[in-house]
Amino acid sequence: MRADDMPATYRTSRLQRGLSVLSVGALLLLAVEEATDGGPLLELSLVNVMLTGATLLAAAGYGLRATVQVSETAVQKTRPLWTDNVLHFEDIQRLHLPVTTEALWLYTEPNGSPDLSIEAQSFERFGSLARRVLRRLPQHTEIQDPAGRAEGYRRGGDATGENQTDDG
């Protein structure tokens, strides 16, 4: 079995993981400041601290645990505290590669909002991920690529045409 035929899992990017660790650090700082009677850095009530903490934990969970898995039959985006998105390749009607950002927008209806969006800045090895998705799309899928990135992905590189291996 070729390496391209096996399911592949893509984790969040280093930037996303770094921001997640930073949010956990900020939460710890708020907790320590609230626990000590040294006076808060900001005039925050306990409710505000709890709400801020819950938001920071959700952001940290997303940044540390979100994944995209591409198999022979489907692409799945898994995020903590969110419903998993699973799209079977046979159901994908349209793929859009936007000009303003490096991303894949997958649609099951020809018009409307994307059913699944995968951003390059959020997930590691985006060139490899995009190549796997493009190779598995059915013949009938409409590909909208105004920036001309799809051919670079198909050749095995990222959007600028640079080579990028599947193992990072």
N, C-alpha and C. Protein backbone atom coordinates (compact mmCIF):
# COMPACT_ATOMS: atom_id res chain seq x y z
N MET A 1 0.84 -1.17 0.00
CA MET A 1 0.00 0.00 0.00
C MET A 1 0.89 1.25 0.00
N ARG A 2 0.61 2.18 -0.90
CA ARG A 2 1.37 3.42 -0.97
C ARG A 2 1.09 4.28 0.24
N ALA A 3 2.07 5.10 0.59
CA ALA A 3 1.91 6.00 1.75
C ALA A 3 0.75 6.95 1.54
N ASP A 4 0.47 7.35 0.29
CA ASP A 4 -0.60 8.29 0.00
C ASP A 4 -1.98 7.65 0.16
N ASP A 5 -2.06 6.31 0.18
CA ASP A 5 -3.33 5.62 0.32
C ASP A 5 -3.74 5.41 1.77
N MET A 6 -2.81 5.55 2.69
CA MET A 6 -3.10 5.34 4.11
C MET A 6 -3.71 6.60 4.70
N PRO A 7 -4.61 6.46 5.69
CA PRO A 7 -5.17 7.66 6.34
C PRO A 7 -4.06 8.50 6.98
N ALA A 8 -4.22 9.80 6.90
CA ALA A 8 -3.23 10.72 7.47
C ALA A 8 -3.93 11.66 8.44
N THR A 9 -3.26 11.95 9.54
CA THR A 9 -3.79 12.86 10.54
C THR A 9 -2.89 14.08 10.62
N TYR A 10 -3.51 15.25 10.60
CA TYR A 10 -2.79 16.52 10.66
C TYR A 10 -3.20 17.25 11.93
N ARG A 11 -2.21 17.60 12.75
CA ARG A 11 -2.45 18.31 14.00
C ARG A 11 -2.46 19.81 13.76
N THR A 12 -2.79 20.53 14.82
CA THR A 12 -2.73 21.98 14.71
C THR A 12 -1.29 22.43 14.53
N SER A 13 -1.11 23.59 13.96
CA SER A 13 0.21 24.12 13.67
C SER A 13 0.93 24.51 14.96
N ARG A 14 2.23 24.71 14.86
CA ARG A 14 3.01 25.14 16.03
C ARG A 14 2.51 26.47 16.57
N LEU A 15 2.12 27.36 15.67
CA LEU A 15 1.59 28.66 16.10
C LEU A 15 0.34 28.47 16.95
N GLN A 16 -0.59 27.63 16.49
CA GLN A 16 -1.81 27.38 17.25
C GLN A 16 -1.51 26.75 18.60
N ARG A 17 -0.59 25.79 18.62
CA ARG A 17 -0.23 25.15 19.88
C ARG A 17 0.45 26.15 20.83
N GLY A 18 1.29 27.02 20.28
CA GLY A 18 1.94 28.04 21.10
C GLY A 18 0.95 29.01 21.70
N LEU A 19 -0.02 29.44 20.92
CA LEU A 19 -1.06 30.33 21.44
C LEU A 19 -1.89 29.64 22.52
N SER A 20 -2.08 28.33 22.37
CA SER A 20 -2.83 27.58 23.37
C SER A 20 -2.09 27.52 24.69
N VAL A 21 -0.79 27.28 24.62
CA VAL A 21 0.02 27.24 25.84
C VAL A 21 0.03 28.63 26.48
N LEU A 22 0.09 29.67 25.68
CA LEU A 22 0.04 31.04 26.19
C LEU A 22 -1.28 31.31 26.90
N SER A 23 -2.38 30.82 26.35
CA SER A 23 -3.68 31.05 26.99
C SER A 23 -3.77 30.30 28.32
N VAL A 24 -3.18 29.10 28.40
CA VAL A 24 -3.15 28.38 29.67
C VAL A 24 -2.31 29.15 30.69
N GLY A 25 -1.19 29.72 30.25
CA GLY A 25 -0.36 30.53 31.14
C GLY A 25 -1.11 31.74 31.65
N ALA A 26 -1.88 32.39 30.78
CA ALA A 26 -2.67 33.54 31.20
C ALA A 26 -3.74 33.13 32.21
N LEU A 27 -4.32 31.96 31.98
CA LEU A 27 -5.33 31.45 32.93
C LEU A 27 -4.71 31.19 34.29
N LEU A 28 -3.53 30.59 34.30
CA LEU A 28 -2.85 30.33 35.57
C LEU A 28 -2.50 31.64 36.27
N LEU A 29 -2.06 32.62 35.52
CA LEU A 29 -1.75 33.93 36.11
C LEU A 29 -2.99 34.54 36.75
N LEU A 30 -4.12 34.48 36.05
CA LEU A 30 -5.37 35.00 36.61
C LEU A 30 -5.78 34.23 37.86
N ALA A 31 -5.63 32.91 37.83
CA ALA A 31 -6.01 32.08 38.98
C ALA A 31 -5.14 32.40 40.19
N VAL A 32 -3.83 32.52 39.98
CA VAL A 32 -2.92 32.84 41.09
C VAL A 32 -3.23 34.22 41.64
N GLU A 33 -3.46 35.16 40.78
CA GLU A 33 -3.75 36.53 41.21
C GLU A 33 -5.05 36.59 41.98
N GLU A 34 -6.06 35.83 41.55
CA GLU A 34 -7.34 35.82 42.24
C GLU A 34 -7.23 35.09 43.58
N ALA A 35 -6.42 34.04 43.63
CA ALA A 35 -6.28 33.24 44.85
C ALA A 35 -5.52 33.99 45.94
N THR A 36 -4.57 34.79 45.54
CA THR A 36 -3.82 35.56 46.53
C THR A 36 -4.58 36.85 46.82
N ASP A 37 -4.41 37.37 47.99
CA ASP A 37 -5.10 38.61 48.33
C ASP A 37 -4.23 39.82 48.06
N GLY A 38 -3.35 39.70 47.11
CA GLY A 38 -2.47 40.81 46.77
C GLY A 38 -3.18 41.86 45.94
N GLY A 39 -4.43 41.66 45.66
CA GLY A 39 -5.16 42.61 44.84
C GLY A 39 -5.06 42.22 43.38
N PRO A 40 -6.15 42.21 42.69
CA PRO A 40 -6.14 41.79 41.29
C PRO A 40 -5.44 42.80 40.39
N LEU A 41 -4.87 42.29 39.30
CA LEU A 41 -4.24 43.18 38.31
C LEU A 41 -5.29 44.06 37.67
N LEU A 42 -6.42 43.49 37.44
CA LEU A 42 -7.55 44.21 36.87
C LEU A 42 -8.71 44.06 37.84
N GLU A 43 -9.60 44.97 37.82
CA GLU A 43 -10.77 44.86 38.69
C GLU A 43 -11.74 43.84 38.07
N LEU A 44 -11.51 42.59 38.39
CA LEU A 44 -12.35 41.53 37.85
C LEU A 44 -13.09 40.84 38.99
N SER A 45 -14.33 40.57 38.76
CA SER A 45 -15.08 39.80 39.75
C SER A 45 -14.78 38.32 39.53
N LEU A 46 -15.16 37.51 40.47
CA LEU A 46 -14.96 36.07 40.37
C LEU A 46 -15.67 35.50 39.15
N VAL A 47 -16.84 36.03 38.84
CA VAL A 47 -17.59 35.55 37.66
C VAL A 47 -16.81 35.86 36.39
N ASN A 48 -16.25 37.06 36.30
CA ASN A 48 -15.46 37.41 35.13
C ASN A 48 -14.23 36.52 34.99
N VAL A 49 -13.58 36.23 36.11
CA VAL A 49 -12.40 35.36 36.07
C VAL A 49 -12.80 33.96 35.60
N MET A 50 -13.94 33.46 36.09
CA MET A 50 -14.40 32.12 35.68
C MET A 50 -14.76 32.10 34.20
N LEU A 51 -15.44 33.12 33.71
CA LEU A 51 -15.79 33.17 32.30
C LEU A 51 -14.55 33.28 31.41
N THR A 52 -13.62 34.12 31.84
CA THR A 52 -12.37 34.25 31.10
C THR A 52 -11.61 32.94 31.10
N GLY A 53 -11.58 32.28 32.25
CA GLY A 53 -10.90 30.99 32.36
C GLY A 53 -11.53 29.94 31.46
N ALA A 54 -12.84 29.88 31.42
CA ALA A 54 -13.52 28.90 30.56
C ALA A 54 -13.21 29.17 29.09
N THR A 55 -13.19 30.43 28.70
CA THR A 55 -12.87 30.79 27.32
C THR A 55 -11.43 30.41 26.97
N LEU A 56 -10.51 30.71 27.88
CA LEU A 56 -9.11 30.36 27.64
C LEU A 56 -8.90 28.85 27.58
N LEU A 57 -9.60 28.10 28.42
CA LEU A 57 -9.49 26.64 28.37
C LEU A 57 -10.05 26.08 27.06
N ALA A 58 -11.15 26.65 26.59
CA ALA A 58 -11.71 26.21 25.30
C ALA A 58 -10.73 26.50 24.17
N ALA A 59 -10.13 27.67 24.19
CA ALA A 59 -9.14 28.02 23.16
C ALA A 59 -7.93 27.11 23.24
N ALA A 60 -7.49 26.81 24.44
CA ALA A 60 -6.34 25.91 24.61
C ALA A 60 -6.68 24.51 24.14
N GLY A 61 -7.86 24.04 24.46
CA GLY A 61 -8.28 22.72 24.01
C GLY A 61 -8.31 22.62 22.50
N TYR A 62 -8.83 23.66 21.86
CA TYR A 62 -8.86 23.66 20.39
C TYR A 62 -7.44 23.63 19.84
N GLY A 63 -6.59 24.47 20.35
CA GLY A 63 -5.24 24.58 19.82
C GLY A 63 -4.39 23.36 20.04
N LEU A 64 -4.64 22.64 21.11
CA LEU A 64 -3.81 21.47 21.42
C LEU A 64 -4.40 20.17 20.88
N ARG A 65 -5.70 20.10 20.65
CA ARG A 65 -6.33 18.83 20.32
C ARG A 65 -7.04 18.75 18.98
N ALA A 66 -7.15 19.83 18.24
CA ALA A 66 -7.84 19.79 16.96
C ALA A 66 -7.02 19.01 15.93
N THR A 67 -7.69 18.21 15.12
CA THR A 67 -7.03 17.43 14.07
C THR A 67 -7.89 17.39 12.81
N VAL A 68 -7.23 17.12 11.70
CA VAL A 68 -7.91 16.81 10.45
C VAL A 68 -7.38 15.46 10.00
N GLN A 69 -8.29 14.53 9.72
CA GLN A 69 -7.89 13.21 9.23
C GLN A 69 -8.44 13.03 7.83
N VAL A 70 -7.55 12.62 6.91
CA VAL A 70 -7.94 12.37 5.53
C VAL A 70 -7.76 10.88 5.27
N SER A 71 -8.86 10.20 4.95
CA SER A 71 -8.81 8.77 4.64
C SER A 71 -9.15 8.59 3.16
N GLU A 72 -9.29 7.37 2.72
CA GLU A 72 -9.66 7.08 1.33
C GLU A 72 -11.04 7.62 0.99
N THR A 73 -11.95 7.62 1.97
CA THR A 73 -13.35 7.93 1.68
C THR A 73 -13.84 9.25 2.26
N ALA A 74 -13.13 9.83 3.22
CA ALA A 74 -13.66 11.01 3.90
C ALA A 74 -12.55 11.90 4.45
N VAL A 75 -12.96 13.12 4.75
CA VAL A 75 -12.10 14.06 5.48
C VAL A 75 -12.87 14.43 6.75
N GLN A 76 -12.17 14.39 7.89
CA GLN A 76 -12.82 14.63 9.18
C GLN A 76 -12.02 15.66 9.96
N LYS A 77 -12.74 16.68 10.45
CA LYS A 77 -12.14 17.71 11.30
C LYS A 77 -12.69 17.52 12.71
N THR A 78 -11.80 17.27 13.65
CA THR A 78 -12.19 17.02 15.04
C THR A 78 -11.66 18.15 15.91
N ARG A 79 -12.56 18.74 16.70
CA ARG A 79 -12.19 19.82 17.61
C ARG A 79 -12.89 19.61 18.94
N PRO A 80 -12.18 19.84 20.04
CA PRO A 80 -12.84 19.74 21.35
C PRO A 80 -13.97 20.76 21.47
N LEU A 81 -15.03 20.38 22.14
CA LEU A 81 -16.19 21.22 22.40
C LEU A 81 -16.98 21.59 21.14
N TRP A 82 -16.69 20.94 20.02
CA TRP A 82 -17.42 21.18 18.78
C TRP A 82 -17.88 19.83 18.25
N THR A 83 -18.89 19.85 17.42
CA THR A 83 -19.32 18.64 16.74
C THR A 83 -18.29 18.32 15.66
N ASP A 84 -17.91 17.05 15.56
CA ASP A 84 -16.96 16.65 14.52
C ASP A 84 -17.59 16.86 13.14
N ASN A 85 -16.79 17.36 12.21
CA ASN A 85 -17.22 17.51 10.82
C ASN A 85 -16.66 16.37 10.01
N VAL A 86 -17.52 15.60 9.37
CA VAL A 86 -17.09 14.51 8.50
C VAL A 86 -17.74 14.71 7.15
N LEU A 87 -16.92 14.80 6.11
CA LEU A 87 -17.43 14.89 4.74
C LEU A 87 -16.89 13.72 3.94
N HIS A 88 -17.79 12.97 3.34
CA HIS A 88 -17.38 11.89 2.45
C HIS A 88 -17.06 12.51 1.09
N PHE A 89 -15.99 12.05 0.48
CA PHE A 89 -15.56 12.65 -0.79
C PHE A 89 -16.64 12.59 -1.86
N GLU A 90 -17.43 11.52 -1.88
CA GLU A 90 -18.48 11.39 -2.90
C GLU A 90 -19.55 12.47 -2.76
N ASP A 91 -19.69 13.08 -1.57
CA ASP A 91 -20.70 14.11 -1.34
C ASP A 91 -20.20 15.53 -1.65
N ILE A 92 -18.91 15.69 -1.85
CA ILE A 92 -18.35 17.02 -2.08
C ILE A 92 -18.66 17.46 -3.52
N GLN A 93 -19.37 18.57 -3.62
CA GLN A 93 -19.76 19.12 -4.93
C GLN A 93 -18.79 20.19 -5.42
N ARG A 94 -18.20 20.92 -4.45
CA ARG A 94 -17.35 22.04 -4.86
C ARG A 94 -16.23 22.22 -3.85
N LEU A 95 -15.05 22.57 -4.37
CA LEU A 95 -13.89 22.92 -3.55
C LEU A 95 -13.47 24.32 -3.97
N HIS A 96 -13.28 25.19 -2.99
CA HIS A 96 -12.83 26.55 -3.28
C HIS A 96 -11.51 26.80 -2.55
N LEU A 97 -10.53 27.29 -3.27
CA LEU A 97 -9.26 27.71 -2.69
C LEU A 97 -9.26 29.24 -2.76
N PRO A 98 -9.51 29.92 -1.62
CA PRO A 98 -9.66 31.37 -1.65
C PRO A 98 -8.36 32.10 -1.98
N VAL A 99 -8.52 33.31 -2.49
CA VAL A 99 -7.37 34.14 -2.86
C VAL A 99 -6.75 34.79 -1.63
N THR A 100 -7.58 35.23 -0.70
CA THR A 100 -7.11 36.04 0.42
C THR A 100 -6.41 35.25 1.51
N THR A 101 -6.61 33.96 1.59
CA THR A 101 -5.98 33.13 2.59
C THR A 101 -5.73 31.74 2.00
N GLU A 102 -4.75 31.05 2.52
CA GLU A 102 -4.47 29.70 2.05
C GLU A 102 -5.35 28.75 2.85
N ALA A 103 -6.36 28.18 2.16
CA ALA A 103 -7.34 27.33 2.84
C ALA A 103 -8.05 26.45 1.82
N LEU A 104 -8.76 25.47 2.34
CA LEU A 104 -9.66 24.63 1.54
C LEU A 104 -11.06 24.83 2.09
N TRP A 105 -12.01 25.18 1.22
CA TRP A 105 -13.40 25.28 1.61
C TRP A 105 -14.14 24.21 0.84
N LEU A 106 -14.76 23.27 1.55
CA LEU A 106 -15.45 22.15 0.93
C LEU A 106 -16.96 22.31 1.07
N TYR A 107 -17.67 22.10 -0.05
CA TYR A 107 -19.11 22.30 -0.10
C TYR A 107 -19.79 21.00 -0.54
N THR A 108 -20.93 20.68 0.11
CA THR A 108 -21.73 19.55 -0.37
C THR A 108 -22.87 20.04 -1.26
N GLU A 109 -23.14 21.33 -1.25
CA GLU A 109 -24.12 21.95 -2.13
C GLU A 109 -23.37 22.92 -3.03
N PRO A 110 -23.76 23.04 -4.30
CA PRO A 110 -23.03 23.94 -5.20
C PRO A 110 -23.01 25.40 -4.74
N ASN A 111 -24.07 25.84 -4.09
CA ASN A 111 -24.14 27.22 -3.58
C ASN A 111 -24.29 27.17 -2.07
N GLY A 112 -23.95 28.23 -1.41
CA GLY A 112 -24.12 28.29 0.04
C GLY A 112 -22.80 28.41 0.76
N SER A 113 -22.84 28.14 2.05
CA SER A 113 -21.67 28.25 2.91
C SER A 113 -20.86 26.96 2.88
N PRO A 114 -19.55 27.05 3.17
CA PRO A 114 -18.74 25.83 3.20
C PRO A 114 -19.19 24.89 4.33
N ASP A 115 -19.21 23.60 4.04
CA ASP A 115 -19.54 22.60 5.05
C ASP A 115 -18.32 22.26 5.90
N LEU A 116 -17.14 22.49 5.35
CA LEU A 116 -15.90 22.24 6.08
C LEU A 116 -14.84 23.20 5.56
N SER A 117 -14.17 23.86 6.49
CA SER A 117 -13.12 24.81 6.15
C SER A 117 -11.84 24.41 6.87
N ILE A 118 -10.74 24.35 6.13
CA ILE A 118 -9.44 23.99 6.70
C ILE A 118 -8.45 25.08 6.32
N GLU A 119 -7.90 25.78 7.32
CA GLU A 119 -7.00 26.89 7.07
C GLU A 119 -5.55 26.44 7.23
N ALA A 120 -4.69 26.94 6.35
CA ALA A 120 -3.26 26.58 6.38
C ALA A 120 -2.59 27.02 7.67
N GLN A 121 -2.96 28.17 8.20
CA GLN A 121 -2.32 28.68 9.41
C GLN A 121 -2.69 27.87 10.64
N SER A 122 -3.77 27.11 10.57
CA SER A 122 -4.23 26.35 11.73
C SER A 122 -3.71 24.93 11.79
N PHE A 123 -3.32 24.35 10.64
CA PHE A 123 -2.91 22.94 10.62
C PHE A 123 -1.56 22.77 9.96
N GLU A 124 -0.77 21.87 10.55
CA GLU A 124 0.58 21.61 10.03
C GLU A 124 0.51 20.85 8.71
N ARG A 125 1.59 20.94 7.94
CA ARG A 125 1.76 20.23 6.67
C ARG A 125 0.56 20.44 5.73
N PHE A 126 0.16 21.69 5.58
CA PHE A 126 -1.03 21.99 4.80
C PHE A 126 -0.89 21.56 3.34
N GLY A 127 0.30 21.67 2.75
CA GLY A 127 0.49 21.24 1.36
C GLY A 127 0.17 19.77 1.18
N SER A 128 0.62 18.95 2.10
CA SER A 128 0.34 17.52 2.06
C SER A 128 -1.15 17.25 2.24
N LEU A 129 -1.77 17.96 3.17
CA LEU A 129 -3.20 17.80 3.42
C LEU A 129 -4.00 18.17 2.16
N ALA A 130 -3.68 19.31 1.57
CA ALA A 130 -4.38 19.76 0.36
C ALA A 130 -4.19 18.76 -0.78
N ARG A 131 -2.98 18.24 -0.94
CA ARG A 131 -2.71 17.26 -2.01
C ARG A 131 -3.58 16.01 -1.82
N ARG A 132 -3.65 15.51 -0.60
CA ARG A 132 -4.47 14.32 -0.34
C ARG A 132 -5.95 14.56 -0.65
N VAL A 133 -6.45 15.71 -0.25
CA VAL A 133 -7.85 16.03 -0.51
C VAL A 133 -8.09 16.15 -2.01
N LEU A 134 -7.24 16.88 -2.72
CA LEU A 134 -7.41 17.06 -4.16
C LEU A 134 -7.37 15.74 -4.92
N ARG A 135 -6.50 14.84 -4.52
CA ARG A 135 -6.38 13.55 -5.21
C ARG A 135 -7.58 12.64 -4.99
N ARG A 136 -8.33 12.86 -3.93
CA ARG A 136 -9.45 11.98 -3.62
C ARG A 136 -10.80 12.54 -4.06
N LEU A 137 -10.83 13.76 -4.56
CA LEU A 137 -12.09 14.34 -4.99
C LEU A 137 -12.65 13.59 -6.20
N PRO A 138 -13.97 13.40 -6.26
CA PRO A 138 -14.57 12.75 -7.44
C PRO A 138 -14.47 13.64 -8.68
N GLN A 139 -14.63 13.03 -9.82
CA GLN A 139 -14.51 13.74 -11.11
C GLN A 139 -15.49 14.91 -11.22
N HIS A 140 -16.71 14.76 -10.68
CA HIS A 140 -17.74 15.77 -10.82
C HIS A 140 -17.53 17.02 -9.95
N THR A 141 -16.56 17.00 -9.05
CA THR A 141 -16.35 18.13 -8.14
C THR A 141 -15.85 19.36 -8.90
N GLU A 142 -16.53 20.46 -8.68
CA GLU A 142 -16.11 21.74 -9.26
C GLU A 142 -15.00 22.31 -8.38
N ILE A 143 -13.88 22.68 -9.00
CA ILE A 143 -12.76 23.26 -8.26
C ILE A 143 -12.63 24.73 -8.65
N GLN A 144 -12.80 25.61 -7.67
CA GLN A 144 -12.63 27.04 -7.90
C GLN A 144 -11.29 27.44 -7.29
N ASP A 145 -10.39 27.86 -8.16
CA ASP A 145 -9.02 28.17 -7.74
C ASP A 145 -8.53 29.43 -8.42
N PRO A 146 -9.05 30.61 -8.05
CA PRO A 146 -8.65 31.84 -8.72
C PRO A 146 -7.17 32.19 -8.53
N ALA A 147 -6.53 31.71 -7.46
CA ALA A 147 -5.12 32.01 -7.22
C ALA A 147 -4.19 31.01 -7.90
N GLY A 148 -4.70 29.92 -8.43
CA GLY A 148 -3.88 28.94 -9.13
C GLY A 148 -3.01 28.08 -8.21
N ARG A 149 -3.47 27.77 -7.02
CA ARG A 149 -2.69 26.97 -6.07
C ARG A 149 -2.84 25.47 -6.26
N ALA A 150 -3.95 25.03 -6.83
CA ALA A 150 -4.25 23.59 -6.90
C ALA A 150 -3.16 22.81 -7.63
N GLU A 151 -2.65 23.34 -8.70
CA GLU A 151 -1.63 22.59 -9.46
C GLU A 151 -0.36 22.40 -8.63
N GLY A 152 0.02 23.38 -7.85
CA GLY A 152 1.18 23.24 -6.97
C GLY A 152 0.97 22.16 -5.93
N TYR A 153 -0.23 22.08 -5.37
CA TYR A 153 -0.54 21.03 -4.41
C TYR A 153 -0.49 19.66 -5.07
N ARG A 154 -1.05 19.56 -6.26
CA ARG A 154 -1.07 18.26 -6.97
C ARG A 154 0.34 17.78 -7.29
N ARG A 155 1.25 18.70 -7.56
CA ARG A 155 2.63 18.32 -7.87
C ARG A 155 3.39 17.86 -6.64
N GLY A 156 2.84 18.10 -5.47
CA GLY A 156 3.48 17.63 -4.25
C GLY A 156 4.16 18.70 -3.45
N GLY A 157 3.87 19.95 -3.72
CA GLY A 157 4.46 21.03 -2.95
C GLY A 157 3.40 21.86 -2.28
N ASP A 158 3.83 22.96 -1.68
CA ASP A 158 2.86 23.86 -1.07
C ASP A 158 2.43 24.88 -2.12
N ALA A 159 1.77 25.91 -1.70
CA ALA A 159 1.21 26.89 -2.64
C ALA A 159 2.28 27.61 -3.44
N THR A 160 3.50 27.71 -2.92
CA THR A 160 4.55 28.41 -3.64
C THR A 160 5.34 27.45 -4.53
N GLY A 161 4.94 26.17 -4.52
CA GLY A 161 5.61 25.20 -5.37
C GLY A 161 6.77 24.51 -4.70
N GLU A 162 7.05 24.85 -3.44
CA GLU A 162 8.16 24.20 -2.74
C GLU A 162 7.78 22.79 -2.35
N ASN A 163 8.75 21.90 -2.33
CA ASN A 163 8.46 20.52 -1.96
C ASN A 163 8.20 20.42 -0.48
N GLN A 164 7.28 19.55 -0.13
CA GLN A 164 6.92 19.33 1.25
C GLN A 164 6.58 17.85 1.40
N THR A 165 7.26 17.16 2.28
CA THR A 165 7.04 15.73 2.43
C THR A 165 5.88 15.45 3.36
N ASP A 166 5.33 14.26 3.28
CA ASP A 166 4.21 13.87 4.12
C ASP A 166 4.58 13.71 5.57
N ASP A 167 5.85 13.48 5.86
CA ASP A 167 6.24 13.25 7.25
C ASP A 167 6.71 14.52 7.94
N GLY A 168 6.43 15.67 7.35
CA GLY A 168 6.72 16.95 8.00
C GLY A 168 8.05 17.43 7.64
